[in-house]
Structure formats: structure tokens, C-alpha cells
Amino acid sequence: MEVNKQFDIKEAKIGQPTGYRNFPMVPRVVYGKGSFDQLGDILMPKRKNADAPCIFLVDDVFEETDLVARIPRIFNDLIIFISAEEEPKTDQVDALVEKIRSDFSEPPSGIIGIGGGTLLDLAKAVAIMLNNTGNSSKYQGWDLVQRPALYHVGIPTLSGTGAEVSRTTVLLGPEKKLGINSDYTVFDQVILDPDLTHGVDKEQWFFTGMDCYIHCIESLNGTYLNAFSQSYGEKALELCKEVYLGELAPSESREKLMMASWHGGMSIAYSQVGVAHAMSYGLSYRLGIKHGIGNCLVFQHLSEFYPEGVALFHKMKGKHGIDLPTGICADLSDCDFETMTTVSLSMEPLWENALGPGWRNKINAEKLKAIYRKI
């Protein structure tokens, strides 16, 4: 899921500068069953005054559940319920920022995202834009954000995207699907409570988890691979195999998948994803297909690039009785395919990671269109 700018990674030599990037990491994280209930204590020192609220962006699937009563609202805190049925958009971010600015006389004390990757990405983007000017679409790219974000907290209720740990917030904009990739994007605080993922339906559990699995396959088989990303990627892959091919108790499965997501997100912090993610960006931009299922729709046809990974994917899919939709691209026009391939091929760091510096000689629009037509 993450699109990071690739930097010139060199062998470190004593007395010489290197091109290693000093990437930010989440400075504070709480892990454990029931840890969500520590949120009030965590937020209290960050509250500026009674007129500077905490804004909770919450997946609307929780609107009439007990979780809402556990959200530590005080003063004039606001809960905004948001549907995660569609990918997060730049105009959605801009509308939320305008609402918050118009409803309150002071900037919020913090933005708290509670949900899957969509809600976490929205929380990161809103926190950035409340402290920066203009529309969010102008920050889609690498290191374009000028001012630090507001204090922001991520609380995942799905496991797999790695959004809780990444330095990007992926948004559908008017011209592209691309992340706001910035050192300021990373959450200030994350709460990892495996109990919050209880009750996720099987297909959502599978597609979101496969985002993590595909992260690992693309990172571990990429030309950008290094010991840092490899150590996280191998652990995440091991956990994914335990979850999707093992016989774990439900509670243990939730715990392991949550940690697989964390490690999978870390595996691409100093590396990169590859072909499936590059192509799923095109699919999502044109058809609005959600990220997890979009990756699966593409990945099933990528045996040429990731033979062992795709074979294992089919084994996992079969074990859990998952059927992918077909005919998604059957009625698309030549113009539609052109749009998708243009978006996909614009993801240059992903293609270079997958195929090396000479990637343009190994892939082209016609080959991508042939794969899209199979979907």
C-alpha cells in the first residue's frame, strides 16, 4: 500500500557521507487486549484547553455499537462517523478540514482515527491539512508537506494495511491515486488492541490480510531489499502463513495478524512494494475498487513475477473458500485501459523495485492491458 520515494542507498564507508534516509517511526505504541481503554489517559496530557477538542474519525460500522460509549469524549469533543465503503479521497479530506475549522474557534488538540486503512489514512491527512494551506491534492507526492501535522492517533480495527505504521496516506485525487508521503504523516501514537478486530467478516479479514501478505512478497523479492526491510518482511510473512495456513484459535489469529500488519508496514519503510500494488492503483483509480481486493485481483495473475508467492496465495484462498469476482474489466473501453496503465506506470519506484533500474525495457502498457483484461 505505501508509495515511498526511493533514496540512493549506498554501502556505508567510514568517514564518508551516505545516502541513507532517516525515516520516522511511530514514537509511542500501546499493544494488548483491552488497551483501547487507555485512550482517555493517553489523550489527557495532549489536551490544550476546553475549547480545543479531540476529533474522533470513526468507521460508521461502529455507530450503534458499544465501542462508541468507550470513546473518552469530554468538553466539546466531536465524533465524526465516516463510511469506509470507498477509498479515501482528497475532496473528502478537504471537506472534513473545512468542517472542523468552521465548527471550532481553536485548532483541535488532536485527531484520532478509529477503523481500517481508510479511516487511518483520513486521520493522517486531516491532521496534516489542519496545519497546512491549500487543498490536500497539492501534497500528493513525496516530502511536499511544509509544516508538522496536528497530534494524531491511529487505532486500527482491521489488520493488514500497515497504515498504522506507514509514512503515507494514500488518497484518490482528481488526477491520480497517490499518497501524501511525508515525515509528518506518521502517527504520534498508535493503539494496537486485537479485540477491536473481533467480528470482522471473513472476506474483509482475508482481503485486508492479503494486503500485508502481498507487501511481504513484493518487498522480499524486490531490488530495494536490504537487511532492515528483510527482517521485518520475513517476520510478517511467517505470521501471515501461520494465520492463513495454520490452525490457530481465533484470538491468537487476531493477535498474530495485527503484528503481521505492523511488521509488514515496517518492511516497506526502507524498501518498496511492486507490481501488484502498482497495478492496483490503476484499477482503484478508474473503478474505485478497494485496495485489499484490488491487490488480490491483480496478484492472482502475476505468476511471471512472483511464482512462489502467487502459488501460496491460491493455497490460502482455497483453504478459506474465497472467490474473487470476475469480469471486472470486461466492459471497459480502450480509453479506460489507457487510464489504468498510465496511472500504474507512473508508480516508478514500485516498478524499479520490482524489475530493477531497466524496468522500462521489461514492462509496457500493452502487457499491463493484457493482465487487466484477465480481471
Protein backbone atom coordinates (compact mmCIF):
# COMPACT_ATOMS: atom_id res chain seq x y z
CA MET A 1 0.00 0.00 0.00
CA GLU A 2 2.67 2.55 0.68
CA VAL A 3 4.41 4.52 -2.05
CA ASN A 4 7.74 5.84 -0.73
CA LYS A 5 10.36 7.83 -2.57
CA GLN A 6 13.44 5.71 -3.12
CA PHE A 7 16.68 7.19 -1.95
CA ASP A 8 20.19 6.34 -3.03
CA ILE A 9 21.14 3.57 -0.62
CA LYS A 10 24.88 3.00 -0.56
CA GLU A 11 27.38 0.93 1.30
CA ALA A 12 28.39 2.82 4.44
CA LYS A 13 32.05 3.75 4.48
CA ILE A 14 33.84 5.22 7.47
CA GLY A 15 34.43 8.92 7.09
CA GLN A 16 32.15 9.29 4.06
CA PRO A 17 28.54 10.51 3.96
CA THR A 18 25.90 8.00 2.93
CA GLY A 19 22.53 8.29 1.19
CA TYR A 20 20.62 6.53 3.94
CA ARG A 21 17.30 8.13 4.77
CA ASN A 22 16.49 8.93 8.39
CA PHE A 23 12.91 7.61 8.33
CA PRO A 24 10.49 8.46 11.13
CA MET A 25 8.81 5.75 13.16
CA VAL A 26 5.75 5.81 15.41
CA PRO A 27 7.17 7.21 18.68
CA ARG A 28 4.58 5.65 21.00
CA VAL A 29 2.60 2.44 20.75
CA VAL A 30 0.40 0.50 23.16
CA TYR A 31 -0.30 -3.17 22.45
CA GLY A 32 -2.66 -5.55 24.19
CA LYS A 33 -6.22 -6.78 24.59
CA GLY A 34 -8.36 -4.02 26.04
CA SER A 35 -5.67 -1.37 25.53
CA PHE A 36 -8.23 0.84 23.77
CA ASP A 37 -9.49 1.78 27.22
CA GLN A 38 -6.21 3.62 27.90
CA LEU A 39 -7.10 6.19 25.23
CA GLY A 40 -8.51 8.72 27.71
CA ASP A 41 -5.34 8.72 29.81
CA ILE A 42 -3.20 8.97 26.67
CA LEU A 43 -5.11 12.00 25.34
CA MET A 44 -5.38 13.95 28.58
CA PRO A 45 -1.83 15.43 28.56
CA LYS A 46 -2.33 16.44 24.90
CA ARG A 47 -5.48 18.45 25.53
CA LYS A 48 -4.71 22.17 25.22
CA ASN A 49 -7.91 23.56 26.77
CA ALA A 50 -11.68 23.02 26.86
CA ASP A 51 -12.14 24.84 23.54
CA ALA A 52 -9.61 22.72 21.65
CA PRO A 53 -11.44 19.43 21.11
CA CYS A 54 -10.29 15.98 20.19
CA ILE A 55 -11.84 14.93 16.88
CA PHE A 56 -12.58 11.22 16.52
CA LEU A 57 -12.92 9.95 12.93
CA VAL A 58 -14.68 6.60 13.31
CA ASP A 59 -15.76 3.94 10.82
CA ASP A 60 -19.55 4.13 10.67
CA VAL A 61 -19.86 0.37 11.20
CA PHE A 62 -19.36 1.21 14.89
CA GLU A 63 -22.07 3.88 15.03
CA GLU A 64 -24.51 1.85 17.13
CA THR A 65 -22.06 -0.35 19.00
CA ASP A 66 -20.60 -0.42 22.49
CA LEU A 67 -17.30 0.93 21.15
CA VAL A 68 -18.78 4.42 20.85
CA ALA A 69 -19.55 4.53 24.58
CA ARG A 70 -15.90 3.68 25.27
CA ILE A 71 -14.59 6.69 23.33
CA PRO A 72 -13.36 9.15 26.02
CA ARG A 73 -15.28 12.28 24.98
CA ILE A 74 -15.09 15.34 27.21
CA PHE A 75 -15.67 19.07 26.74
CA ASN A 76 -16.74 19.68 23.13
CA ASP A 77 -15.05 16.65 21.58
CA LEU A 78 -16.59 15.54 18.29
CA ILE A 79 -17.14 12.09 16.80
CA ILE A 80 -17.48 12.03 13.01
CA PHE A 81 -18.70 8.74 11.58
CA ILE A 82 -17.36 8.00 8.10
CA SER A 83 -18.17 5.21 5.66
CA ALA A 84 -15.21 3.13 4.56
CA GLU A 85 -17.06 1.67 1.58
CA GLU A 86 -14.98 3.79 -0.80
CA GLU A 87 -11.30 4.68 -0.94
CA PRO A 88 -10.39 7.96 0.84
CA LYS A 89 -10.40 10.99 -1.44
CA THR A 90 -8.69 14.37 -1.42
CA ASP A 91 -12.00 16.24 -1.62
CA GLN A 92 -13.25 14.22 1.37
CA VAL A 93 -10.19 15.34 3.35
CA ASP A 94 -10.73 18.96 2.31
CA ALA A 95 -14.40 18.83 3.35
CA LEU A 96 -13.52 17.43 6.78
CA VAL A 97 -10.87 20.10 7.32
CA GLU A 98 -13.31 22.86 6.33
CA LYS A 99 -15.95 21.48 8.70
CA ILE A 100 -13.55 21.32 11.65
CA ARG A 101 -12.22 24.82 11.00
CA SER A 102 -15.72 26.28 10.75
CA ASP A 103 -17.15 24.43 13.77
CA PHE A 104 -14.44 25.35 16.27
CA SER A 105 -12.76 28.59 17.23
CA GLU A 106 -9.46 26.88 18.05
CA PRO A 107 -7.49 24.14 16.31
CA PRO A 108 -8.20 20.68 17.75
CA SER A 109 -5.98 19.13 20.38
CA GLY A 110 -5.76 16.02 18.26
CA ILE A 111 -7.20 13.84 15.51
CA ILE A 112 -7.94 10.21 16.34
CA GLY A 113 -8.65 7.69 13.59
CA ILE A 114 -10.55 4.53 14.56
CA GLY A 115 -11.08 1.98 11.80
CA GLY A 116 -9.31 0.26 8.94
CA GLY A 117 -6.86 1.72 6.45
CA THR A 118 -9.39 4.20 5.05
CA LEU A 119 -10.06 5.83 8.43
CA LEU A 120 -6.39 5.79 9.40
CA ASP A 121 -5.40 7.46 6.13
CA LEU A 122 -8.13 10.08 6.55
CA ALA A 123 -6.98 10.83 10.09
CA LYS A 124 -3.39 11.29 8.95
CA ALA A 125 -4.41 13.52 6.04
CA VAL A 126 -6.78 15.69 8.11
CA ALA A 127 -4.11 16.16 10.79
CA ILE A 128 -1.67 17.32 8.12
CA MET A 129 -4.09 19.66 6.36
CA LEU A 130 -5.27 21.39 9.53
CA ASN A 131 -1.73 22.75 9.86
CA ASN A 132 -1.05 23.37 6.16
CA THR A 133 -2.63 25.55 3.50
CA GLY A 134 -4.42 24.78 0.25
CA ASN A 135 -6.06 21.59 -0.95
CA SER A 136 -4.78 18.16 0.02
CA SER A 137 -4.26 17.16 -3.63
CA LYS A 138 -1.28 19.52 -3.90
CA TYR A 139 0.53 17.44 -1.27
CA GLN A 140 0.16 14.12 -3.12
CA GLY A 141 3.77 13.16 -3.70
CA TRP A 142 6.95 12.96 -1.70
CA ASP A 143 8.02 15.37 1.03
CA LEU A 144 5.78 18.24 -0.05
CA VAL A 145 4.33 18.94 3.41
CA GLN A 146 5.88 22.06 4.93
CA ARG A 147 4.51 22.11 8.47
CA PRO A 148 4.12 19.35 11.07
CA ALA A 149 0.70 17.75 11.43
CA LEU A 150 -1.53 18.14 14.44
CA TYR A 151 -1.15 15.46 17.11
CA HIS A 152 -2.79 12.34 15.68
CA VAL A 153 -3.54 8.84 16.93
CA GLY A 154 -4.20 5.68 14.94
CA ILE A 155 -6.35 2.84 16.28
CA PRO A 156 -6.75 0.02 13.72
CA THR A 157 -9.85 -2.15 13.80
CA LEU A 158 -8.65 -4.20 10.82
CA SER A 159 -5.25 -5.78 10.32
CA GLY A 160 -3.20 -5.85 7.15
CA THR A 161 -2.83 -2.46 5.51
CA GLY A 162 0.09 -1.28 7.62
CA ALA A 163 -1.46 2.21 7.60
CA GLU A 164 -0.93 2.40 11.34
CA VAL A 165 2.85 2.48 10.89
CA SER A 166 3.47 4.00 7.45
CA ARG A 167 4.60 7.49 6.47
CA THR A 168 1.95 7.84 3.77
CA THR A 169 -1.74 8.48 3.47
CA VAL A 170 -2.99 7.16 0.15
CA LEU A 171 -5.74 9.28 -1.43
CA LEU A 172 -7.74 9.32 -4.64
CA GLY A 173 -7.26 12.76 -6.12
CA PRO A 174 -8.69 14.50 -9.16
CA GLU A 175 -5.75 13.39 -11.31
CA LYS A 176 -4.14 10.44 -9.54
CA LYS A 177 -4.19 7.98 -6.67
CA LEU A 178 -1.09 8.75 -4.66
CA GLY A 179 0.00 9.14 -1.07
CA ILE A 180 0.91 12.19 0.90
CA ASN A 181 4.34 10.76 1.66
CA SER A 182 5.90 12.79 4.43
CA ASP A 183 7.83 12.53 7.67
CA TYR A 184 4.91 14.42 9.22
CA THR A 185 2.37 11.77 8.18
CA VAL A 186 3.41 9.16 10.74
CA PHE A 187 1.10 8.80 13.73
CA ASP A 188 2.27 10.23 17.06
CA GLN A 189 0.56 7.39 18.92
CA VAL A 190 -0.85 4.00 17.92
CA ILE A 191 -3.04 1.71 19.98
CA LEU A 192 -2.97 -1.94 18.92
CA ASP A 193 -5.87 -3.73 20.55
CA PRO A 194 -6.53 -7.14 18.94
CA ASP A 195 -10.02 -7.24 20.49
CA LEU A 196 -11.08 -4.41 18.16
CA THR A 197 -10.75 -6.74 15.16
CA HIS A 198 -13.20 -9.25 16.62
CA GLY A 199 -16.22 -9.80 14.38
CA VAL A 200 -14.63 -8.76 11.07
CA ASP A 201 -16.32 -10.74 8.29
CA LYS A 202 -14.27 -13.43 6.56
CA GLU A 203 -13.84 -11.72 3.20
CA GLN A 204 -12.75 -8.42 4.75
CA TRP A 205 -10.36 -10.32 7.04
CA PHE A 206 -8.90 -12.13 4.03
CA PHE A 207 -8.56 -9.20 1.63
CA THR A 208 -7.05 -6.86 4.23
CA GLY A 209 -4.67 -9.55 5.43
CA MET A 210 -3.62 -10.27 1.87
CA ASP A 211 -2.55 -6.64 1.56
CA CYS A 212 0.02 -7.45 4.23
CA TYR A 213 0.98 -10.74 2.59
CA ILE A 214 1.49 -9.06 -0.79
CA HIS A 215 3.54 -6.30 0.90
CA CYS A 216 5.89 -9.03 2.10
CA ILE A 217 6.17 -10.87 -1.22
CA GLU A 218 6.89 -7.66 -3.14
CA SER A 219 9.34 -6.32 -0.59
CA LEU A 220 11.26 -9.59 -0.16
CA ASN A 221 11.54 -10.10 -3.93
CA GLY A 222 12.39 -6.51 -4.76
CA THR A 223 15.65 -4.93 -5.89
CA TYR A 224 15.46 -2.44 -3.00
CA LEU A 225 15.66 -5.24 -0.42
CA ASN A 226 18.04 -4.65 2.47
CA ALA A 227 18.59 -6.22 5.88
CA PHE A 228 16.26 -3.74 7.59
CA SER A 229 13.26 -4.41 5.37
CA GLN A 230 14.09 -8.11 5.09
CA SER A 231 13.99 -8.66 8.85
CA TYR A 232 10.51 -7.15 9.13
CA GLY A 233 9.25 -8.70 5.90
CA GLU A 234 10.32 -12.22 6.83
CA LYS A 235 8.62 -11.99 10.21
CA ALA A 236 5.43 -10.61 8.67
CA LEU A 237 5.40 -13.37 6.06
CA GLU A 238 5.91 -16.02 8.74
CA LEU A 239 2.95 -14.61 10.70
CA CYS A 240 0.75 -14.48 7.58
CA LYS A 241 1.47 -18.15 6.90
CA GLU A 242 0.53 -19.04 10.48
CA VAL A 243 -2.72 -17.10 10.24
CA TYR A 244 -3.87 -18.22 6.79
CA LEU A 245 -2.45 -21.73 6.58
CA GLY A 246 -2.27 -22.75 10.24
CA GLU A 247 -4.93 -23.85 12.71
CA LEU A 248 -4.91 -21.02 15.24
CA ALA A 249 -7.54 -20.18 17.80
CA PRO A 250 -9.47 -17.03 16.77
CA SER A 251 -7.94 -14.85 19.49
CA GLU A 252 -4.41 -15.94 18.60
CA SER A 253 -5.12 -15.38 14.92
CA ARG A 254 -6.24 -11.80 15.62
CA GLU A 255 -3.10 -11.10 17.64
CA LYS A 256 -0.73 -12.53 15.07
CA LEU A 257 -2.38 -10.78 12.12
CA MET A 258 -2.22 -7.44 13.94
CA MET A 259 1.52 -7.90 14.41
CA ALA A 260 1.93 -9.12 10.82
CA SER A 261 0.36 -5.83 9.70
CA TRP A 262 2.77 -3.85 11.85
CA HIS A 263 5.83 -5.75 10.60
CA GLY A 264 4.58 -5.69 7.01
CA GLY A 265 4.22 -1.92 7.16
CA MET A 266 7.72 -1.63 8.57
CA SER A 267 9.11 -3.90 5.84
CA ILE A 268 8.38 -1.27 3.19
CA ALA A 269 9.51 1.72 5.25
CA TYR A 270 13.02 1.26 3.88
CA SER A 271 12.05 -0.76 0.84
CA GLN A 272 9.09 -0.72 -1.55
CA VAL A 273 6.16 -2.67 -2.92
CA GLY A 274 5.91 -3.88 -6.51
CA VAL A 275 3.82 -4.98 -9.47
CA ALA A 276 0.54 -5.82 -7.71
CA HIS A 277 0.40 -2.51 -5.88
CA ALA A 278 1.38 -0.53 -8.98
CA MET A 279 -1.39 -2.17 -10.99
CA SER A 280 -3.98 -1.99 -8.23
CA TYR A 281 -3.51 1.79 -8.12
CA GLY A 282 -4.70 1.95 -11.72
CA LEU A 283 -7.60 -0.38 -11.00
CA SER A 284 -8.67 1.62 -7.98
CA TYR A 285 -8.30 5.00 -9.69
CA ARG A 286 -10.57 4.03 -12.59
CA LEU A 287 -13.05 1.69 -10.89
CA GLY A 288 -12.89 2.68 -7.21
CA ILE A 289 -12.04 -0.87 -6.16
CA LYS A 290 -10.84 -1.04 -2.58
CA HIS A 291 -7.16 -1.57 -2.05
CA GLY A 292 -7.14 -5.04 -0.48
CA ILE A 293 -9.35 -6.74 -3.04
CA GLY A 294 -7.68 -4.78 -5.83
CA ASN A 295 -4.32 -6.24 -4.87
CA CYS A 296 -5.80 -9.73 -4.86
CA LEU A 297 -7.46 -9.26 -8.25
CA VAL A 298 -4.12 -8.33 -9.77
CA PHE A 299 -1.83 -10.62 -7.77
CA GLN A 300 -3.60 -13.81 -8.87
CA HIS A 301 -2.30 -13.16 -12.41
CA LEU A 302 1.32 -12.35 -11.52
CA SER A 303 2.96 -15.80 -11.57
CA GLU A 304 5.51 -14.46 -14.05
CA PHE A 305 6.80 -12.05 -11.42
CA TYR A 306 6.13 -13.84 -8.11
CA PRO A 307 5.64 -17.58 -8.87
CA GLU A 308 6.02 -18.93 -5.34
CA GLY A 309 4.05 -16.09 -3.78
CA VAL A 310 1.13 -16.46 -6.18
CA ALA A 311 1.03 -20.24 -5.69
CA LEU A 312 0.84 -19.74 -1.92
CA PHE A 313 -1.84 -17.06 -2.38
CA HIS A 314 -4.03 -19.54 -4.26
CA LYS A 315 -3.48 -22.10 -1.50
CA MET A 316 -4.60 -19.57 1.14
CA LYS A 317 -7.58 -18.55 -0.97
CA GLY A 318 -8.64 -22.17 -1.39
CA LYS A 319 -8.27 -23.00 2.29
CA HIS A 320 -10.65 -20.22 3.27
CA GLY A 321 -13.11 -20.64 0.40
CA ILE A 322 -12.58 -17.16 -1.02
CA ASP A 323 -13.94 -16.48 -4.50
CA LEU A 324 -12.65 -13.43 -6.30
CA PRO A 325 -15.08 -11.55 -8.56
CA THR A 326 -14.61 -11.97 -12.30
CA GLY A 327 -15.38 -9.84 -15.33
CA ILE A 328 -14.41 -6.62 -13.56
CA CYS A 329 -12.75 -5.21 -16.66
CA ALA A 330 -14.92 -6.95 -19.25
CA ASP A 331 -16.81 -3.86 -20.41
CA LEU A 332 -14.06 -1.28 -20.17
CA SER A 333 -13.12 0.83 -23.17
CA ASP A 334 -9.69 1.31 -24.68
CA CYS A 335 -9.66 4.73 -23.00
CA ASP A 336 -10.31 3.07 -19.63
CA PHE A 337 -7.40 0.67 -20.09
CA GLU A 338 -5.19 3.55 -21.15
CA THR A 339 -6.06 5.45 -17.98
CA MET A 340 -5.31 2.46 -15.77
CA THR A 341 -1.98 1.72 -17.40
CA THR A 342 -0.94 5.39 -17.29
CA VAL A 343 -1.65 5.55 -13.55
CA SER A 344 0.13 2.26 -12.95
CA LEU A 345 3.24 3.11 -14.94
CA SER A 346 3.55 6.44 -13.13
CA MET A 347 4.47 4.48 -9.97
CA GLU A 348 8.14 4.48 -10.93
CA PRO A 349 9.67 3.48 -7.56
CA LEU A 350 7.39 0.42 -7.44
CA TRP A 351 8.41 -0.73 -10.91
CA GLU A 352 12.10 -0.13 -10.21
CA ASN A 353 11.85 -2.18 -7.02
CA ALA A 354 10.08 -4.98 -8.87
CA LEU A 355 12.17 -5.10 -12.04
CA GLY A 356 15.31 -3.07 -11.45
CA PRO A 357 16.64 0.17 -12.97
CA GLY A 358 15.93 -1.05 -16.51
CA TRP A 359 12.26 -1.73 -15.76
CA ARG A 360 11.02 0.28 -18.74
CA ASN A 361 12.57 -2.30 -21.05
CA LYS A 362 10.78 -5.15 -19.25
CA ILE A 363 7.21 -3.87 -18.98
CA ASN A 364 4.93 -1.77 -21.17
CA ALA A 365 1.34 -0.61 -21.46
CA GLU A 366 0.27 -3.47 -23.71
CA LYS A 367 1.48 -6.09 -21.25
CA LEU A 368 -0.38 -4.37 -18.43
CA LYS A 369 -3.55 -4.16 -20.50
CA ALA A 370 -3.34 -7.91 -21.16
CA ILE A 371 -3.22 -8.56 -17.41
CA TYR A 372 -6.07 -6.11 -16.70
CA ARG A 373 -8.22 -7.88 -19.30
CA LYS A 374 -7.94 -11.11 -17.30
CA ILE A 375 -9.53 -9.46 -14.26
